[in-house]
C-alpha atoms as a PDB file:
ATOM      1  CA  MET A   1       0.033   0.097   0.090  1.00  0.00           C
ATOM      2  CA  ARG A   2       1.329   3.346  -0.732  1.00  0.00           C
ATOM      3  CA  LEU A   3      -0.278   6.519   0.570  1.00  0.00           C
ATOM      4  CA  ASP A   4       1.158   9.089  -1.833  1.00  0.00           C
ATOM      5  CA  SER A   5       4.095   9.867  -3.827  1.00  0.00           C
ATOM      6  CA  HIS A   6       6.199  10.723  -0.778  1.00  0.00           C
ATOM      7  CA  SER A   7       5.283   7.479   1.164  1.00  0.00           C
ATOM      8  CA  MET A   8       6.984   4.243   1.063  1.00  0.00           C
ATOM      9  CA  TYR A   9       5.080   0.810   0.076  1.00  0.00           C
ATOM     10  CA  VAL A  10       3.880  -0.812   3.158  1.00  0.00           C
ATOM     11  CA  ASP A  11       2.536  -4.065   3.222  1.00  0.00           C
ATOM     12  CA  ASN A  12       0.190  -6.143   5.688  1.00  0.00           C
ATOM     13  CA  LEU A  13       3.443  -7.609   7.099  1.00  0.00           C
ATOM     14  CA  ASP A  14       5.122  -4.326   8.098  1.00  0.00           C
ATOM     15  CA  LEU A  15       1.627  -3.042   9.479  1.00  0.00           C
ATOM     16  CA  GLU A  16       1.464  -6.174  11.683  1.00  0.00           C
ATOM     17  CA  ILE A  17       5.058  -5.481  12.921  1.00  0.00           C
ATOM     18  CA  ILE A  18       4.142  -1.610  13.390  1.00  0.00           C
ATOM     19  CA  ARG A  19       1.089  -2.544  15.499  1.00  0.00           C
ATOM     20  CA  LEU A  20       3.004  -4.859  17.530  1.00  0.00           C
ATOM     21  CA  LEU A  21       5.837  -2.403  18.290  1.00  0.00           C
ATOM     22  CA  ILE A  22       3.359   0.226  19.288  1.00  0.00           C
ATOM     23  CA  LYS A  23       1.983  -1.732  21.875  1.00  0.00           C
ATOM     24  CA  ASN A  24       5.357  -3.033  23.286  1.00  0.00           C
ATOM     25  CA  SER A  25       8.298  -1.436  21.692  1.00  0.00           C
ATOM     26  CA  LYS A  26      10.513  -3.688  23.821  1.00  0.00           C
ATOM     27  CA  LEU A  27       9.644  -6.883  21.545  1.00  0.00           C
ATOM     28  CA  SER A  28      12.414  -8.728  20.554  1.00  0.00           C
ATOM     29  CA  ILE A  29      12.622  -9.748  16.968  1.00  0.00           C
ATOM     30  CA  ARG A  30      12.122 -13.396  17.725  1.00  0.00           C
ATOM     31  CA  GLU A  31       8.864 -12.479  19.812  1.00  0.00           C
ATOM     32  CA  ILE A  32       7.937 -10.390  16.675  1.00  0.00           C
ATOM     33  CA  ALA A  33       8.355 -13.626  14.360  1.00  0.00           C
ATOM     34  CA  LYS A  34       6.893 -15.987  16.600  1.00  0.00           C
ATOM     35  CA  SER A  35       3.548 -13.751  17.260  1.00  0.00           C
ATOM     36  CA  LEU A  36       3.466 -13.328  13.191  1.00  0.00           C
ATOM     37  CA  GLY A  37       4.741 -16.849  11.959  1.00  0.00           C
ATOM     38  CA  LYS A  38       7.827 -15.577  10.250  1.00  0.00           C
ATOM     39  CA  ALA A  39      11.302 -16.309  10.385  1.00  0.00           C
ATOM     40  CA  PRO A  40      13.405 -13.661  12.552  1.00  0.00           C
ATOM     41  CA  SER A  41      15.606 -12.676   9.451  1.00  0.00           C
ATOM     42  CA  LEU A  42      12.712 -11.227   7.705  1.00  0.00           C
ATOM     43  CA  ILE A  43      11.435  -9.444  10.817  1.00  0.00           C
ATOM     44  CA  HIS A  44      14.766  -7.901  11.229  1.00  0.00           C
ATOM     45  CA  SER A  45      15.252  -6.704   7.488  1.00  0.00           C
ATOM     46  CA  ARG A  46      11.566  -5.237   7.563  1.00  0.00           C
ATOM     47  CA  ILE A  47      12.236  -3.436  10.951  1.00  0.00           C
ATOM     48  CA  LYS A  48      15.378  -1.950   9.500  1.00  0.00           C
ATOM     49  CA  ARG A  49      13.927  -0.879   6.393  1.00  0.00           C
ATOM     50  CA  LEU A  50      11.114   0.905   8.160  1.00  0.00           C
ATOM     51  CA  GLU A  51      14.033   2.486  10.139  1.00  0.00           C
ATOM     52  CA  ARG A  52      15.993   3.758   7.203  1.00  0.00           C
ATOM     53  CA  ASN A  53      12.912   4.907   5.369  1.00  0.00           C
ATOM     54  CA  ASN A  54      12.098   7.070   8.876  1.00  0.00           C
ATOM     55  CA  LEU A  55       8.462   5.419   9.196  1.00  0.00           C
ATOM     56  CA  ILE A  56       9.766   4.318  12.597  1.00  0.00           C
ATOM     57  CA  LYS A  57      11.851   7.239  14.015  1.00  0.00           C
ATOM     58  CA  ALA A  58      12.395   6.178  17.295  1.00  0.00           C
ATOM     59  CA  TYR A  59      11.357   4.028  20.089  1.00  0.00           C
ATOM     60  CA  THR A  60      10.105   5.245  23.406  1.00  0.00           C
ATOM     61  CA  ILE A  61       8.280   4.485  26.820  1.00  0.00           C
ATOM     62  CA  LEU A  62       5.407   5.965  28.354  1.00  0.00           C
ATOM     63  CA  LEU A  63       6.043   7.029  31.982  1.00  0.00           C
ATOM     64  CA  ASP A  64       2.968   7.104  34.559  1.00  0.00           C
ATOM     65  CA  TYR A  65       3.280  10.553  35.932  1.00  0.00           C
ATOM     66  CA  ARG A  66       0.841   9.622  38.931  1.00  0.00           C
ATOM     67  CA  ARG A  67       3.556   7.108  40.140  1.00  0.00           C
ATOM     68  CA  LEU A  68       6.174   9.664  39.895  1.00  0.00           C
ATOM     69  CA  GLY A  69       4.351  12.603  42.190  1.00  0.00           C
ATOM     70  CA  TYR A  70       2.765  14.129  39.541  1.00  0.00           C
ATOM     71  CA  ASP A  71      -0.940  14.405  40.500  1.00  0.00           C
ATOM     72  CA  VAL A  72      -2.044  17.776  38.517  1.00  0.00           C
ATOM     73  CA  TYR A  73      -2.523  17.147  34.475  1.00  0.00           C
ATOM     74  CA  ALA A  74      -3.164  20.476  32.676  1.00  0.00           C
ATOM     75  CA  LEU A  75      -4.548  21.402  29.408  1.00  0.00           C
ATOM     76  CA  THR A  76      -3.823  24.791  28.856  1.00  0.00           C
ATOM     77  CA  LEU A  77      -5.450  26.613  25.806  1.00  0.00           C
ATOM     78  CA  LEU A  78      -3.667  29.956  24.356  1.00  0.00           C
ATOM     79  CA  GLN A  79      -4.843  32.333  22.202  1.00  0.00           C
ATOM     80  CA  VAL A  80      -1.391  33.626  20.393  1.00  0.00           C
ATOM     81  CA  ASP A  81      -0.831  36.332  17.934  1.00  0.00           C
ATOM     82  CA  GLY A  82      -0.899  34.368  14.636  1.00  0.00           C
ATOM     83  CA  ALA A  83       2.675  35.737  13.537  1.00  0.00           C
ATOM     84  CA  HIS A  84       4.010  34.216  16.795  1.00  0.00           C
ATOM     85  CA  ILE A  85       2.472  30.598  17.180  1.00  0.00           C
ATOM     86  CA  VAL A  86       6.087  28.675  16.164  1.00  0.00           C
ATOM     87  CA  GLU A  87       8.081  30.878  18.524  1.00  0.00           C
ATOM     88  CA  VAL A  88       5.424  30.282  21.501  1.00  0.00           C
ATOM     89  CA  GLU A  89       5.339  26.789  20.848  1.00  0.00           C
ATOM     90  CA  GLU A  90       9.032  26.330  20.906  1.00  0.00           C
ATOM     91  CA  VAL A  91       9.508  28.135  24.301  1.00  0.00           C
ATOM     92  CA  LEU A  92       6.824  26.258  25.876  1.00  0.00           C
ATOM     93  CA  SER A  93       8.306  22.871  24.383  1.00  0.00           C
ATOM     94  CA  ARG A  94      11.313  23.527  26.338  1.00  0.00           C
ATOM     95  CA  GLU A  95       9.411  23.606  29.517  1.00  0.00           C
ATOM     96  CA  PRO A  96      10.163  20.525  31.899  1.00  0.00           C
ATOM     97  CA  ASN A  97       6.783  19.920  32.893  1.00  0.00           C
ATOM     98  CA  VAL A  98       5.191  20.350  29.351  1.00  0.00           C
ATOM     99  CA  LYS A  99       4.684  16.791  27.864  1.00  0.00           C
ATOM    100  CA  ALA A 100       3.131  17.963  24.491  1.00  0.00           C
ATOM    101  CA  VAL A 101       2.208  21.128  22.412  1.00  0.00           C
ATOM    102  CA  TYR A 102      -0.372  20.907  19.485  1.00  0.00           C
ATOM    103  CA  ASP A 103      -1.397  23.733  17.197  1.00  0.00           C
ATOM    104  CA  ILE A 104      -5.086  23.821  17.067  1.00  0.00           C
ATOM    105  CA  THR A 105      -7.830  25.382  15.324  1.00  0.00           C
ATOM    106  CA  GLY A 106     -11.182  27.446  16.480  1.00  0.00           C
ATOM    107  CA  GLU A 107     -11.124  29.834  19.390  1.00  0.00           C
ATOM    108  CA  TYR A 108      -7.544  29.058  20.569  1.00  0.00           C
ATOM    109  CA  ASP A 109      -4.387  28.526  18.637  1.00  0.00           C
ATOM    110  CA  ILE A 110      -2.130  26.275  21.044  1.00  0.00           C
ATOM    111  CA  ALA A 111      -3.139  23.384  23.261  1.00  0.00           C
ATOM    112  CA  VAL A 112      -0.317  22.432  26.014  1.00  0.00           C
ATOM    113  CA  ILE A 113      -0.392  19.254  28.167  1.00  0.00           C
ATOM    114  CA  SER A 114       1.666  19.273  31.094  1.00  0.00           C
ATOM    115  CA  VAL A 115       1.666  17.698  34.858  1.00  0.00           C
ATOM    116  CA  PHE A 116       2.793  19.030  37.797  1.00  0.00           C
ATOM    117  CA  LYS A 117       3.041  17.899  41.556  1.00  0.00           C
ATOM    118  CA  SER A 118       0.391  20.276  42.738  1.00  0.00           C
ATOM    119  CA  VAL A 119      -1.715  23.009  41.683  1.00  0.00           C
ATOM    120  CA  SER A 120       0.397  25.528  43.259  1.00  0.00           C
ATOM    121  CA  GLU A 121       3.224  24.235  40.975  1.00  0.00           C
ATOM    122  CA  LEU A 122       0.792  24.580  37.855  1.00  0.00           C
ATOM    123  CA  ASP A 123      -0.225  28.348  39.297  1.00  0.00           C
ATOM    124  CA  SER A 124       3.650  29.236  39.406  1.00  0.00           C
ATOM    125  CA  PHE A 125       3.919  27.713  35.795  1.00  0.00           C
ATOM    126  CA  ILE A 126       1.028  29.831  34.494  1.00  0.00           C
ATOM    127  CA  LYS A 127       2.256  32.936  36.245  1.00  0.00           C
ATOM    128  CA  LYS A 128       5.987  32.396  34.943  1.00  0.00           C
ATOM    129  CA  THR A 129       4.633  31.762  31.440  1.00  0.00           C
ATOM    130  CA  LEU A 130       2.551  35.156  31.400  1.00  0.00           C
ATOM    131  CA  LYS A 131       5.781  36.883  32.816  1.00  0.00           C
ATOM    132  CA  THR A 132       8.144  35.793  30.189  1.00  0.00           C
ATOM    133  CA  PRO A 133       8.805  38.626  28.085  1.00  0.00           C
ATOM    134  CA  THR A 134       8.479  37.046  24.672  1.00  0.00           C
ATOM    135  CA  LEU A 135       5.209  35.571  25.512  1.00  0.00           C
ATOM    136  CA  ARG A 136       3.620  37.951  27.991  1.00  0.00           C
ATOM    137  CA  ASP A 137       2.002  40.145  25.069  1.00  0.00           C
ATOM    138  CA  LEU A 138       1.276  37.114  22.786  1.00  0.00           C
ATOM    139  CA  ILE A 139      -1.040  34.780  24.825  1.00  0.00           C
ATOM    140  CA  GLN A 140      -4.010  34.654  27.319  1.00  0.00           C
ATOM    141  CA  ALA A 141      -4.236  31.355  29.063  1.00  0.00           C
ATOM    142  CA  SER A 142      -6.993  29.445  30.522  1.00  0.00           C
ATOM    143  CA  TYR A 143      -6.692  25.924  31.868  1.00  0.00           C
ATOM    144  CA  SER A 144      -8.479  23.069  33.419  1.00  0.00           C
ATOM    145  CA  GLU A 145      -7.592  20.258  35.781  1.00  0.00           C
END
């Protein structure tokens, strides 16, 4: 299956490998091969091809932030001067509590997902963000827990 002229050819085996790795990126080549009833050498070559073609860019983990003491999850919606959206996103993405920054459409321009150990930490983050000279005049923030 080729999605467009910029995409690589992906068949059902590639998709099955991807699905398994999405569920558990720690699976070994042997485990994937056994699960799919294929030779490990075939699975290895397919994964390497997917990596070379940047379809698989990285292997990662999902943290349980609550177990690390982060009990406050925040969605902050920002209205930003359109000429500065990328600049604001770049500054916010460097904040340690920020886990995701998204462009959105509608009343707001940016959605920020962040985690904090307390509501007072969240409050400090919002106040710091609104005091940052490069951001101060560009955003209006609202948030919910």
